[in-house]
Every structure is written in C-alpha cells, then in structure tokens.
Amino acid sequence: MRPKLLLLISVITLAVFTHYWLKHHTISYLNVNSDLEEKLTSEKELNKDLTTEYNSLQAYSRIISKAKNELGMILPPNDSENVLTVQKTGNRNQRVFRFIDYITPSAEAVSN
C-alpha cells in the first residue's frame, strides 16, 4: 500500500509541476508572439511609407521633367528611327524601355 501511495503522490506532484511549467512557457511564447506581431505591423507601415515615397520618386512624369529642365535632354517621338521602344508586360505593371542608337550623335532620350 505504501508504494502505491508514494507513486500516486509523485504522479500528482509531477502533473502539477508540468501543468504550471507548460503554462509558464505558453505565456512566455504568447508574449514573444505579441512582440513579433507588433514589430511586423510597424515594419508593414514603414514599408507602405517607403513604397509610396519610392513610387513618387520613380514617377515617369517627374523623371521626364527633371531630364528636360535640369539635364537638357529631349524626349524623341516614338516613331524616331534612332530610338527603339520595347514594351514589357509583367504581373503587376507594364514597363516601357527605349533603346537609343548612340552612333547617331543627335539622339538623346529619356527611358523609364
């Protein structure tokens, strides 16, 4: 009878200990998870701000105006024989590339 009682007390003690040990680890993991979620949301907000700023910096009209006003470049018409225009359609957007014939000295262009 005594070994059975000793075994029962040790099993109950082990069950209580593991219950509180697992509860402690669960709470600590929940705290770490909430910290990571806060960091993730702040990084997403920062990424939105940076993407907006990047898009405004990469606006085609802004590039053309800077090239015309500050660099003195010209935008040749699309039917120019010195400029080859290639359009690439991707998953998100359509990009236009202009290849310039540098052998002809009068050919200057802006590409996006």
PDB file of N, CA and C in Angstrom:
ATOM      1  N   MET A   1       0.814  -1.184   0.000  1.00  0.00           N
ATOM      2  CA  MET A   1       0.000   0.000   0.000  1.00  0.00           C
ATOM      3  C   MET A   1       0.867   1.262   0.000  1.00  0.00           C
ATOM      4  N   ARG A   2       1.955   1.187   0.718  1.00  0.00           N
ATOM      5  CA  ARG A   2       2.820   2.347   0.811  1.00  0.00           C
ATOM      6  C   ARG A   2       3.469   2.708  -0.538  1.00  0.00           C
ATOM      7  N   PRO A   3       3.937   1.755  -1.336  1.00  0.00           N
ATOM      8  CA  PRO A   3       4.497   2.116  -2.651  1.00  0.00           C
ATOM      9  C   PRO A   3       3.446   2.716  -3.582  1.00  0.00           C
ATOM     10  N   LYS A   4       2.212   2.221  -3.486  1.00  0.00           N
ATOM     11  CA  LYS A   4       1.145   2.776  -4.327  1.00  0.00           C
ATOM     12  C   LYS A   4       0.857   4.225  -3.946  1.00  0.00           C
ATOM     13  N   LEU A   5       0.829   4.514  -2.652  1.00  0.00           N
ATOM     14  CA  LEU A   5       0.592   5.869  -2.185  1.00  0.00           C
ATOM     15  C   LEU A   5       1.736   6.789  -2.599  1.00  0.00           C
ATOM     16  N   LEU A   6       2.966   6.316  -2.476  1.00  0.00           N
ATOM     17  CA  LEU A   6       4.137   7.090  -2.891  1.00  0.00           C
ATOM     18  C   LEU A   6       4.111   7.362  -4.405  1.00  0.00           C
ATOM     19  N   LEU A   7       3.724   6.360  -5.175  1.00  0.00           N
ATOM     20  CA  LEU A   7       3.601   6.527  -6.627  1.00  0.00           C
ATOM     21  C   LEU A   7       2.507   7.532  -6.964  1.00  0.00           C
ATOM     22  N   LEU A   8       1.381   7.482  -6.293  1.00  0.00           N
ATOM     23  CA  LEU A   8       0.280   8.406  -6.536  1.00  0.00           C
ATOM     24  C   LEU A   8       0.689   9.839  -6.196  1.00  0.00           C
ATOM     25  N   ILE A   9       1.374  10.040  -5.090  1.00  0.00           N
ATOM     26  CA  ILE A   9       1.825  11.375  -4.702  1.00  0.00           C
ATOM     27  C   ILE A   9       2.843  11.909  -5.715  1.00  0.00           C
ATOM     28  N   SER A  10       3.755  11.054  -6.160  1.00  0.00           N
ATOM     29  CA  SER A  10       4.753  11.508  -7.140  1.00  0.00           C
ATOM     30  C   SER A  10       4.111  11.830  -8.492  1.00  0.00           C
ATOM     31  N   VAL A  11       3.108  11.059  -8.912  1.00  0.00           N
ATOM     32  CA  VAL A  11       2.416  11.334 -10.176  1.00  0.00           C
ATOM     33  C   VAL A  11       1.644  12.643 -10.083  1.00  0.00           C
ATOM     34  N   ILE A  12       0.977  12.877  -8.959  1.00  0.00           N
ATOM     35  CA  ILE A  12       0.230  14.129  -8.774  1.00  0.00           C
ATOM     36  C   ILE A  12       1.194  15.308  -8.742  1.00  0.00           C
ATOM     37  N   THR A  13       2.309  15.178  -8.056  1.00  0.00           N
ATOM     38  CA  THR A  13       3.312  16.244  -7.989  1.00  0.00           C
ATOM     39  C   THR A  13       3.880  16.520  -9.379  1.00  0.00           C
ATOM     40  N   LEU A  14       4.171  15.473 -10.115  1.00  0.00           N
ATOM     41  CA  LEU A  14       4.699  15.637 -11.476  1.00  0.00           C
ATOM     42  C   LEU A  14       3.669  16.295 -12.383  1.00  0.00           C
ATOM     43  N   ALA A  15       2.382  15.928 -12.254  1.00  0.00           N
ATOM     44  CA  ALA A  15       1.326  16.516 -13.083  1.00  0.00           C
ATOM     45  C   ALA A  15       1.166  18.002 -12.777  1.00  0.00           C
ATOM     46  N   VAL A  16       1.174  18.370 -11.491  1.00  0.00           N
ATOM     47  CA  VAL A  16       1.046  19.777 -11.113  1.00  0.00           C
ATOM     48  C   VAL A  16       2.254  20.570 -11.611  1.00  0.00           C
ATOM     49  N   PHE A  17       3.440  20.005 -11.439  1.00  0.00           N
ATOM     50  CA  PHE A  17       4.650  20.686 -11.896  1.00  0.00           C
ATOM     51  C   PHE A  17       4.631  20.897 -13.403  1.00  0.00           C
ATOM     52  N   THR A  18       4.297  19.884 -14.171  1.00  0.00           N
ATOM     53  CA  THR A  18       4.269  20.030 -15.635  1.00  0.00           C
ATOM     54  C   THR A  18       3.171  20.987 -16.079  1.00  0.00           C
ATOM     55  N   HIS A  19       2.036  20.996 -15.357  1.00  0.00           N
ATOM     56  CA  HIS A  19       0.957  21.921 -15.703  1.00  0.00           C
ATOM     57  C   HIS A  19       1.432  23.364 -15.582  1.00  0.00           C
ATOM     58  N   TYR A  20       2.026  23.718 -14.469  1.00  0.00           N
ATOM     59  CA  TYR A  20       2.489  25.094 -14.276  1.00  0.00           C
ATOM     60  C   TYR A  20       3.696  25.421 -15.152  1.00  0.00           C
ATOM     61  N   TRP A  21       4.537  24.454 -15.401  1.00  0.00           N
ATOM     62  CA  TRP A  21       5.692  24.664 -16.282  1.00  0.00           C
ATOM     63  C   TRP A  21       5.229  24.961 -17.706  1.00  0.00           C
ATOM     64  N   LEU A  22       4.261  24.167 -18.204  1.00  0.00           N
ATOM     65  CA  LEU A  22       3.733  24.399 -19.556  1.00  0.00           C
ATOM     66  C   LEU A  22       2.962  25.718 -19.629  1.00  0.00           C
ATOM     67  N   LYS A  23       2.246  26.046 -18.558  1.00  0.00           N
ATOM     68  CA  LYS A  23       1.515  27.312 -18.531  1.00  0.00           C
ATOM     69  C   LYS A  23       2.492  28.488 -18.596  1.00  0.00           C
ATOM     70  N   HIS A  24       3.582  28.415 -17.879  1.00  0.00           N
ATOM     71  CA  HIS A  24       4.602  29.465 -17.907  1.00  0.00           C
ATOM     72  C   HIS A  24       5.194  29.614 -19.306  1.00  0.00           C
ATOM     73  N   HIS A  25       5.532  28.505 -19.937  1.00  0.00           N
ATOM     74  CA  HIS A  25       6.111  28.569 -21.279  1.00  0.00           C
ATOM     75  C   HIS A  25       5.099  29.079 -22.301  1.00  0.00           C
ATOM     76  N   THR A  26       3.839  28.699 -22.141  1.00  0.00           N
ATOM     77  CA  THR A  26       2.810  29.188 -23.058  1.00  0.00           C
ATOM     78  C   THR A  26       2.670  30.702 -22.952  1.00  0.00           C
ATOM     79  N   ILE A  27       2.668  31.213 -21.736  1.00  0.00           N
ATOM     80  CA  ILE A  27       2.551  32.656 -21.547  1.00  0.00           C
ATOM     81  C   ILE A  27       3.773  33.376 -22.103  1.00  0.00           C
ATOM     82  N   SER A  28       4.952  32.826 -21.878  1.00  0.00           N
ATOM     83  CA  SER A  28       6.156  33.474 -22.413  1.00  0.00           C
ATOM     84  C   SER A  28       6.159  33.462 -23.936  1.00  0.00           C
ATOM     85  N   TYR A  29       5.709  32.366 -24.552  1.00  0.00           N
ATOM     86  CA  TYR A  29       5.637  32.313 -26.018  1.00  0.00           C
ATOM     87  C   TYR A  29       4.569  33.274 -26.552  1.00  0.00           C
ATOM     88  N   LEU A  30       3.475  33.440 -25.821  1.00  0.00           N
ATOM     89  CA  LEU A  30       2.462  34.411 -26.241  1.00  0.00           C
ATOM     90  C   LEU A  30       3.007  35.836 -26.192  1.00  0.00           C
ATOM     91  N   ASN A  31       3.807  36.142 -25.183  1.00  0.00           N
ATOM     92  CA  ASN A  31       4.428  37.470 -25.105  1.00  0.00           C
ATOM     93  C   ASN A  31       5.397  37.699 -26.248  1.00  0.00           C
ATOM     94  N   VAL A  32       6.203  36.702 -26.559  1.00  0.00           N
ATOM     95  CA  VAL A  32       7.134  36.820 -27.682  1.00  0.00           C
ATOM     96  C   VAL A  32       6.362  36.975 -28.991  1.00  0.00           C
ATOM     97  N   ASN A  33       5.277  36.225 -29.130  1.00  0.00           N
ATOM     98  CA  ASN A  33       4.461  36.304 -30.339  1.00  0.00           C
ATOM     99  C   ASN A  33       3.826  37.684 -30.490  1.00  0.00           C
ATOM    100  N   SER A  34       3.331  38.259 -29.403  1.00  0.00           N
ATOM    101  CA  SER A  34       2.729  39.587 -29.497  1.00  0.00           C
ATOM    102  C   SER A  34       3.785  40.639 -29.846  1.00  0.00           C
ATOM    103  N   ASP A  35       5.000  40.496 -29.300  1.00  0.00           N
ATOM    104  CA  ASP A  35       6.081  41.425 -29.664  1.00  0.00           C
ATOM    105  C   ASP A  35       6.415  41.315 -31.149  1.00  0.00           C
ATOM    106  N   LEU A  36       6.467  40.105 -31.651  1.00  0.00           N
ATOM    107  CA  LEU A  36       6.759  39.911 -33.073  1.00  0.00           C
ATOM    108  C   LEU A  36       5.642  40.471 -33.956  1.00  0.00           C
ATOM    109  N   GLU A  37       4.403  40.316 -33.527  1.00  0.00           N
ATOM    110  CA  GLU A  37       3.297  40.871 -34.301  1.00  0.00           C
ATOM    111  C   GLU A  37       3.356  42.397 -34.330  1.00  0.00           C
ATOM    112  N   GLU A  38       3.713  43.020 -33.216  1.00  0.00           N
ATOM    113  CA  GLU A  38       3.854  44.478 -33.195  1.00  0.00           C
ATOM    114  C   GLU A  38       4.974  44.932 -34.119  1.00  0.00           C
ATOM    115  N   LYS A  39       6.086  44.213 -34.093  1.00  0.00           N
ATOM    116  CA  LYS A  39       7.192  44.566 -34.992  1.00  0.00           C
ATOM    117  C   LYS A  39       6.788  44.390 -36.447  1.00  0.00           C
ATOM    118  N   LEU A  40       6.041  43.325 -36.729  1.00  0.00           N
ATOM    119  CA  LEU A  40       5.604  43.078 -38.102  1.00  0.00           C
ATOM    120  C   LEU A  40       4.680  44.180 -38.593  1.00  0.00           C
ATOM    121  N   THR A  41       3.728  44.603 -37.774  1.00  0.00           N
ATOM    122  CA  THR A  41       2.823  45.667 -38.207  1.00  0.00           C
ATOM    123  C   THR A  41       3.568  46.983 -38.388  1.00  0.00           C
ATOM    124  N   SER A  42       4.537  47.264 -37.515  1.00  0.00           N
ATOM    125  CA  SER A  42       5.297  48.505 -37.691  1.00  0.00           C
ATOM    126  C   SER A  42       6.155  48.437 -38.955  1.00  0.00           C
ATOM    127  N   GLU A  43       6.725  47.282 -39.247  1.00  0.00           N
ATOM    128  CA  GLU A  43       7.508  47.133 -40.480  1.00  0.00           C
ATOM    129  C   GLU A  43       6.616  47.249 -41.709  1.00  0.00           C
ATOM    130  N   LYS A  44       5.388  46.738 -41.635  1.00  0.00           N
ATOM    131  CA  LYS A  44       4.468  46.878 -42.762  1.00  0.00           C
ATOM    132  C   LYS A  44       4.114  48.341 -43.001  1.00  0.00           C
ATOM    133  N   GLU A  45       3.871  49.083 -41.931  1.00  0.00           N
ATOM    134  CA  GLU A  45       3.568  50.506 -42.077  1.00  0.00           C
ATOM    135  C   GLU A  45       4.762  51.262 -42.653  1.00  0.00           C
ATOM    136  N   LEU A  46       5.949  50.946 -42.165  1.00  0.00           N
ATOM    137  CA  LEU A  46       7.157  51.576 -42.692  1.00  0.00           C
ATOM    138  C   LEU A  46       7.343  51.221 -44.161  1.00  0.00           C
ATOM    139  N   ASN A  47       7.057  49.976 -44.517  1.00  0.00           N
ATOM    140  CA  ASN A  47       7.179  49.544 -45.908  1.00  0.00           C
ATOM    141  C   ASN A  47       6.184  50.288 -46.794  1.00  0.00           C
ATOM    142  N   LYS A  48       4.960  50.529 -46.284  1.00  0.00           N
ATOM    143  CA  LYS A  48       3.987  51.297 -47.063  1.00  0.00           C
ATOM    144  C   LYS A  48       4.486  52.717 -47.308  1.00  0.00           C
ATOM    145  N   ASP A  49       5.031  53.337 -46.265  1.00  0.00           N
ATOM    146  CA  ASP A  49       5.540  54.703 -46.419  1.00  0.00           C
ATOM    147  C   ASP A  49       6.689  54.751 -47.420  1.00  0.00           C
ATOM    148  N   LEU A  50       7.607  53.798 -47.314  1.00  0.00           N
ATOM    149  CA  LEU A  50       8.748  53.782 -48.230  1.00  0.00           C
ATOM    150  C   LEU A  50       8.321  53.471 -49.658  1.00  0.00           C
ATOM    151  N   THR A  51       7.326  52.596 -49.823  1.00  0.00           N
ATOM    152  CA  THR A  51       6.832  52.282 -51.161  1.00  0.00           C
ATOM    153  C   THR A  51       6.171  53.496 -51.789  1.00  0.00           C
ATOM    154  N   THR A  52       5.426  54.238 -50.994  1.00  0.00           N
ATOM    155  CA  THR A  52       4.798  55.455 -51.503  1.00  0.00           C
ATOM    156  C   THR A  52       5.849  56.472 -51.924  1.00  0.00           C
ATOM    157  N   GLU A  53       6.864  56.642 -51.096  1.00  0.00           N
ATOM    158  CA  GLU A  53       7.932  57.588 -51.438  1.00  0.00           C
ATOM    159  C   GLU A  53       8.701  57.132 -52.670  1.00  0.00           C
ATOM    160  N   TYR A  54       8.970  55.826 -52.775  1.00  0.00           N
ATOM    161  CA  TYR A  54       9.669  55.287 -53.934  1.00  0.00           C
ATOM    162  C   TYR A  54       8.855  55.484 -55.206  1.00  0.00           C
ATOM    163  N   ASN A  55       7.546  55.243 -55.117  1.00  0.00           N
ATOM    164  CA  ASN A  55       6.703  55.421 -56.299  1.00  0.00           C
ATOM    165  C   ASN A  55       6.661  56.876 -56.730  1.00  0.00           C
ATOM    166  N   SER A  56       6.640  57.791 -55.770  1.00  0.00           N
ATOM    167  CA  SER A  56       6.626  59.205 -56.160  1.00  0.00           C
ATOM    168  C   SER A  56       7.964  59.611 -56.771  1.00  0.00           C
ATOM    169  N   LEU A  57       9.057  59.007 -56.292  1.00  0.00           N
ATOM    170  CA  LEU A  57      10.358  59.329 -56.871  1.00  0.00           C
ATOM    171  C   LEU A  57      10.526  58.727 -58.261  1.00  0.00           C
ATOM    172  N   GLN A  58       9.875  57.608 -58.513  1.00  0.00           N
ATOM    173  CA  GLN A  58      10.030  56.924 -59.789  1.00  0.00           C
ATOM    174  C   GLN A  58       8.924  57.272 -60.788  1.00  0.00           C
ATOM    175  N   ALA A  59       8.143  58.297 -60.517  1.00  0.00           N
ATOM    176  CA  ALA A  59       7.075  58.693 -61.432  1.00  0.00           C
ATOM    177  C   ALA A  59       7.687  59.117 -62.767  1.00  0.00           C
ATOM    178  N   TYR A  60       7.128  58.625 -63.838  1.00  0.00           N
ATOM    179  CA  TYR A  60       7.676  58.876 -65.172  1.00  0.00           C
ATOM    180  C   TYR A  60       7.625  60.356 -65.522  1.00  0.00           C
ATOM    181  N   SER A  61       6.538  61.019 -65.165  1.00  0.00           N
ATOM    182  CA  SER A  61       6.435  62.447 -65.487  1.00  0.00           C
ATOM    183  C   SER A  61       7.495  63.251 -64.731  1.00  0.00           C
ATOM    184  N   ARG A  62       7.806  62.864 -63.498  1.00  0.00           N
ATOM    185  CA  ARG A  62       8.842  63.557 -62.730  1.00  0.00           C
ATOM    186  C   ARG A  62      10.210  63.339 -63.372  1.00  0.00           C
ATOM    187  N   ILE A  63      10.475  62.136 -63.825  1.00  0.00           N
ATOM    188  CA  ILE A  63      11.756  61.842 -64.472  1.00  0.00           C
ATOM    189  C   ILE A  63      11.897  62.657 -65.756  1.00  0.00           C
ATOM    190  N   ILE A  64      10.823  62.709 -66.537  1.00  0.00           N
ATOM    191  CA  ILE A  64      10.872  63.455 -67.795  1.00  0.00           C
ATOM    192  C   ILE A  64      11.086  64.942 -67.529  1.00  0.00           C
ATOM    193  N   SER A  65      10.370  65.493 -66.534  1.00  0.00           N
ATOM    194  CA  SER A  65      10.525  66.926 -66.263  1.00  0.00           C
ATOM    195  C   SER A  65      11.932  67.248 -65.758  1.00  0.00           C
ATOM    196  N   LYS A  66      12.499  66.398 -64.907  1.00  0.00           N
ATOM    197  CA  LYS A  66      13.868  66.629 -64.434  1.00  0.00           C
ATOM    198  C   LYS A  66      14.861  66.516 -65.590  1.00  0.00           C
ATOM    199  N   ALA A  67      14.644  65.517 -66.472  1.00  0.00           N
ATOM    200  CA  ALA A  67      15.561  65.335 -67.594  1.00  0.00           C
ATOM    201  C   ALA A  67      15.497  66.524 -68.548  1.00  0.00           C
ATOM    202  N   LYS A  68      14.284  67.036 -68.787  1.00  0.00           N
ATOM    203  CA  LYS A  68      14.152  68.176 -69.702  1.00  0.00           C
ATOM    204  C   LYS A  68      14.705  69.453 -69.079  1.00  0.00           C
ATOM    205  N   ASN A  69      14.335  69.722 -67.817  1.00  0.00           N
ATOM    206  CA  ASN A  69      14.675  71.007 -67.199  1.00  0.00           C
ATOM    207  C   ASN A  69      16.106  71.057 -66.682  1.00  0.00           C
ATOM    208  N   GLU A  70      16.551  70.022 -65.999  1.00  0.00           N
ATOM    209  CA  GLU A  70      17.860  70.080 -65.348  1.00  0.00           C
ATOM    210  C   GLU A  70      18.989  69.516 -66.211  1.00  0.00           C
ATOM    211  N   LEU A  71      18.700  68.521 -67.016  1.00  0.00           N
ATOM    212  CA  LEU A  71      19.755  67.894 -67.809  1.00  0.00           C
ATOM    213  C   LEU A  71      19.751  68.336 -69.266  1.00  0.00           C
ATOM    214  N   GLY A  72      18.702  69.015 -69.696  1.00  0.00           N
ATOM    215  CA  GLY A  72      18.637  69.496 -71.069  1.00  0.00           C
ATOM    216  C   GLY A  72      18.427  68.378 -72.083  1.00  0.00           C
ATOM    217  N   MET A  73      17.843  67.271 -71.667  1.00  0.00           N
ATOM    218  CA  MET A  73      17.596  66.159 -72.592  1.00  0.00           C
ATOM    219  C   MET A  73      16.267  66.384 -73.304  1.00  0.00           C
ATOM    220  N   ILE A  74      16.090  65.692 -74.414  1.00  0.00           N
ATOM    221  CA  ILE A  74      14.839  65.769 -75.154  1.00  0.00           C
ATOM    222  C   ILE A  74      14.221  64.386 -75.189  1.00  0.00           C
ATOM    223  N   LEU A  75      12.914  64.348 -75.323  1.00  0.00           N
ATOM    224  CA  LEU A  75      12.188  63.089 -75.454  1.00  0.00           C
ATOM    225  C   LEU A  75      11.818  62.932 -76.923  1.00  0.00           C
ATOM    226  N   PRO A  76      12.467  62.020 -77.621  1.00  0.00           N
ATOM    227  CA  PRO A  76      12.170  61.892 -79.047  1.00  0.00           C
ATOM    228  C   PRO A  76      10.803  61.264 -79.263  1.00  0.00           C
ATOM    229  N   PRO A  77      10.204  61.520 -80.408  1.00  0.00           N
ATOM    230  CA  PRO A  77       8.910  60.882 -80.691  1.00  0.00           C
ATOM    231  C   PRO A  77       9.088  59.374 -80.839  1.00  0.00           C
ATOM    232  N   ASN A  78       7.990  58.658 -80.672  1.00  0.00           N
ATOM    233  CA  ASN A  78       8.061  57.193 -80.724  1.00  0.00           C
ATOM    234  C   ASN A  78       8.396  56.669 -82.115  1.00  0.00           C
ATOM    235  N   ASP A  79       8.137  57.459 -83.135  1.00  0.00           N
ATOM    236  CA  ASP A  79       8.418  56.990 -84.495  1.00  0.00           C
ATOM    237  C   ASP A  79       9.823  57.360 -84.957  1.00  0.00           C
ATOM    238  N   SER A  80      10.674  57.809 -84.062  1.00  0.00           N
ATOM    239  CA  SER A  80      12.031  58.175 -84.426  1.00  0.00           C
ATOM    240  C   SER A  80      12.794  56.929 -84.851  1.00  0.00           C
ATOM    241  N   GLU A  81      13.646  57.075 -85.854  1.00  0.00           N
ATOM    242  CA  GLU A  81      14.393  55.914 -86.349  1.00  0.00           C
ATOM    243  C   GLU A  81      15.597  55.593 -85.466  1.00  0.00           C
ATOM    244  N   ASN A  82      15.994  56.526 -84.585  1.00  0.00           N
ATOM    245  CA  ASN A  82      17.133  56.295 -83.717  1.00  0.00           C
ATOM    246  C   ASN A  82      16.761  55.661 -82.375  1.00  0.00           C
ATOM    247  N   VAL A  83      15.464  55.565 -82.102  1.00  0.00           N
ATOM    248  CA  VAL A  83      15.016  55.047 -80.815  1.00  0.00           C
ATOM    249  C   VAL A  83      14.109  53.846 -81.050  1.00  0.00           C
ATOM    250  N   LEU A  84      14.410  52.756 -80.361  1.00  0.00           N
ATOM    251  CA  LEU A  84      13.602  51.548 -80.447  1.00  0.00           C
ATOM    252  C   LEU A  84      12.841  51.409 -79.131  1.00  0.00           C
ATOM    253  N   THR A  85      11.512  51.373 -79.197  1.00  0.00           N
ATOM    254  CA  THR A  85      10.672  51.278 -77.999  1.00  0.00           C
ATOM    255  C   THR A  85      10.207  49.840 -77.832  1.00  0.00           C
ATOM    256  N   VAL A  86      10.425  49.296 -76.629  1.00  0.00           N
ATOM    257  CA  VAL A  86      10.019  47.929 -76.320  1.00  0.00           C
ATOM    258  C   VAL A  86       9.117  47.979 -75.092  1.00  0.00           C
ATOM    259  N   GLN A  87       7.972  47.293 -75.171  1.00  0.00           N
ATOM    260  CA  GLN A  87       7.056  47.248 -74.035  1.00  0.00           C
ATOM    261  C   GLN A  87       7.082  45.854 -73.424  1.00  0.00           C
ATOM    262  N   LYS A  88       7.151  45.813 -72.101  1.00  0.00           N
ATOM    263  CA  LYS A  88       7.181  44.541 -71.388  1.00  0.00           C
ATOM    264  C   LYS A  88       6.021  44.527 -70.415  1.00  0.00           C
ATOM    265  N   THR A  89       5.148  43.548 -70.520  1.00  0.00           N
ATOM    266  CA  THR A  89       4.029  43.434 -69.588  1.00  0.00           C
ATOM    267  C   THR A  89       4.362  42.349 -68.580  1.00  0.00           C
ATOM    268  N   GLY A  90       4.300  42.715 -67.321  1.00  0.00           N
ATOM    269  CA  GLY A  90       4.582  41.780 -66.243  1.00  0.00           C
ATOM    270  C   GLY A  90       3.316  41.467 -65.479  1.00  0.00           C
ATOM    271  N   ASN A  91       3.494  40.887 -64.317  1.00  0.00           N
ATOM    272  CA  ASN A  91       2.347  40.535 -63.483  1.00  0.00           C
ATOM    273  C   ASN A  91       1.650  41.775 -62.938  1.00  0.00           C
ATOM    274  N   ARG A  92       2.418  42.799 -62.578  1.00  0.00           N
ATOM    275  CA  ARG A  92       1.823  43.953 -61.915  1.00  0.00           C
ATOM    276  C   ARG A  92       1.684  45.169 -62.811  1.00  0.00           C
ATOM    277  N   ASN A  93       2.655  45.411 -63.635  1.00  0.00           N
ATOM    278  CA  ASN A  93       2.602  46.655 -64.399  1.00  0.00           C
ATOM    279  C   ASN A  93       3.247  46.449 -65.766  1.00  0.00           C
ATOM    280  N   GLN A  94       3.095  47.456 -66.580  1.00  0.00           N
ATOM    281  CA  GLN A  94       3.672  47.433 -67.920  1.00  0.00           C
ATOM    282  C   GLN A  94       4.846  48.400 -67.931  1.00  0.00           C
ATOM    283  N   ARG A  95       5.969  47.954 -68.416  1.00  0.00           N
ATOM    284  CA  ARG A  95       7.160  48.806 -68.462  1.00  0.00           C
ATOM    285  C   ARG A  95       7.519  49.078 -69.908  1.00  0.00           C
ATOM    286  N   VAL A  96       8.014  50.282 -70.143  1.00  0.00           N
ATOM    287  CA  VAL A  96       8.428  50.690 -71.480  1.00  0.00           C
ATOM    288  C   VAL A  96       9.915  50.983 -71.429  1.00  0.00           C
ATOM    289  N   PHE A  97      10.649  50.351 -72.329  1.00  0.00           N
ATOM    290  CA  PHE A  97      12.087  50.589 -72.449  1.00  0.00           C
ATOM    291  C   PHE A  97      12.346  51.247 -73.789  1.00  0.00           C
ATOM    292  N   ARG A  98      13.253  52.216 -73.806  1.00  0.00           N
ATOM    293  CA  ARG A  98      13.643  52.855 -75.053  1.00  0.00           C
ATOM    294  C   ARG A  98      15.136  52.657 -75.237  1.00  0.00           C
ATOM    295  N   PHE A  99      15.489  52.040 -76.339  1.00  0.00           N
ATOM    296  CA  PHE A  99      16.887  51.825 -76.681  1.00  0.00           C
ATOM    297  C   PHE A  99      17.310  52.897 -77.675  1.00  0.00           C
ATOM    298  N   ILE A 100      18.450  53.489 -77.415  1.00  0.00           N
ATOM    299  CA  ILE A 100      18.895  54.644 -78.189  1.00  0.00           C
ATOM    300  C   ILE A 100      20.074  54.238 -79.072  1.00  0.00           C
ATOM    301  N   ASP A 101      20.050  54.707 -80.283  1.00  0.00           N
ATOM    302  CA  ASP A 101      21.158  54.498 -81.201  1.00  0.00           C
ATOM    303  C   ASP A 101      22.216  55.557 -80.896  1.00  0.00           C
ATOM    304  N   TYR A 102      23.293  55.151 -80.204  1.00  0.00           N
ATOM    305  CA  TYR A 102      24.320  56.116 -79.800  1.00  0.00           C
ATOM    306  C   TYR A 102      25.306  56.443 -80.919  1.00  0.00           C
ATOM    307  N   ILE A 103      25.194  55.755 -82.015  1.00  0.00           N
ATOM    308  CA  ILE A 103      26.094  56.065 -83.134  1.00  0.00           C
ATOM    309  C   ILE A 103      25.703  57.414 -83.730  1.00  0.00           C
ATOM    310  N   THR A 104      24.408  57.691 -83.771  1.00  0.00           N
ATOM    311  CA  THR A 104      23.942  58.985 -84.253  1.00  0.00           C
ATOM    312  C   THR A 104      24.096  59.982 -83.118  1.00  0.00           C
ATOM    313  N   PRO A 105      24.891  61.041 -83.265  1.00  0.00           N
ATOM    314  CA  PRO A 105      25.169  61.940 -82.147  1.00  0.00           C
ATOM    315  C   PRO A 105      23.990  62.792 -81.711  1.00  0.00           C
ATOM    316  N   SER A 106      22.976  62.961 -82.539  1.00  0.00           N
ATOM    317  CA  SER A 106      21.861  63.825 -82.171  1.00  0.00           C
ATOM    318  C   SER A 106      20.783  63.084 -81.385  1.00  0.00           C
ATOM    319  N   ALA A 107      20.922  61.812 -81.177  1.00  0.00           N
ATOM    320  CA  ALA A 107      19.898  61.022 -80.497  1.00  0.00           C
ATOM    321  C   ALA A 107      20.093  61.085 -78.993  1.00  0.00           C
ATOM    322  N   GLU A 108      19.185  61.738 -78.295  1.00  0.00           N
ATOM    323  CA  GLU A 108      19.157  61.759 -76.833  1.00  0.00           C
ATOM    324  C   GLU A 108      17.750  61.417 -76.408  1.00  0.00           C
ATOM    325  N   ALA A 109      17.608  60.646 -75.349  1.00  0.00           N
ATOM    326  CA  ALA A 109      16.265  60.243 -74.943  1.00  0.00           C
ATOM    327  C   ALA A 109      16.229  59.984 -73.456  1.00  0.00           C
ATOM    328  N   VAL A 110      15.044  59.881 -72.963  1.00  0.00           N
ATOM    329  CA  VAL A 110      14.793  59.538 -71.565  1.00  0.00           C
ATOM    330  C   VAL A 110      14.137  58.167 -71.574  1.00  0.00           C
ATOM    331  N   SER A 111      14.602  57.286 -70.711  1.00  0.00           N
ATOM    332  CA  SER A 111      13.980  55.971 -70.631  1.00  0.00           C
ATOM    333  C   SER A 111      13.416  55.789 -69.240  1.00  0.00           C
ATOM    334  N   ASN A 112      12.363  55.026 -69.131  1.00  0.00           N
ATOM    335  CA  ASN A 112      11.800  54.753 -67.820  1.00  0.00           C
ATOM    336  C   ASN A 112      11.963  53.303 -67.473  1.00  0.00           C
TER     337      ASN A 112
END
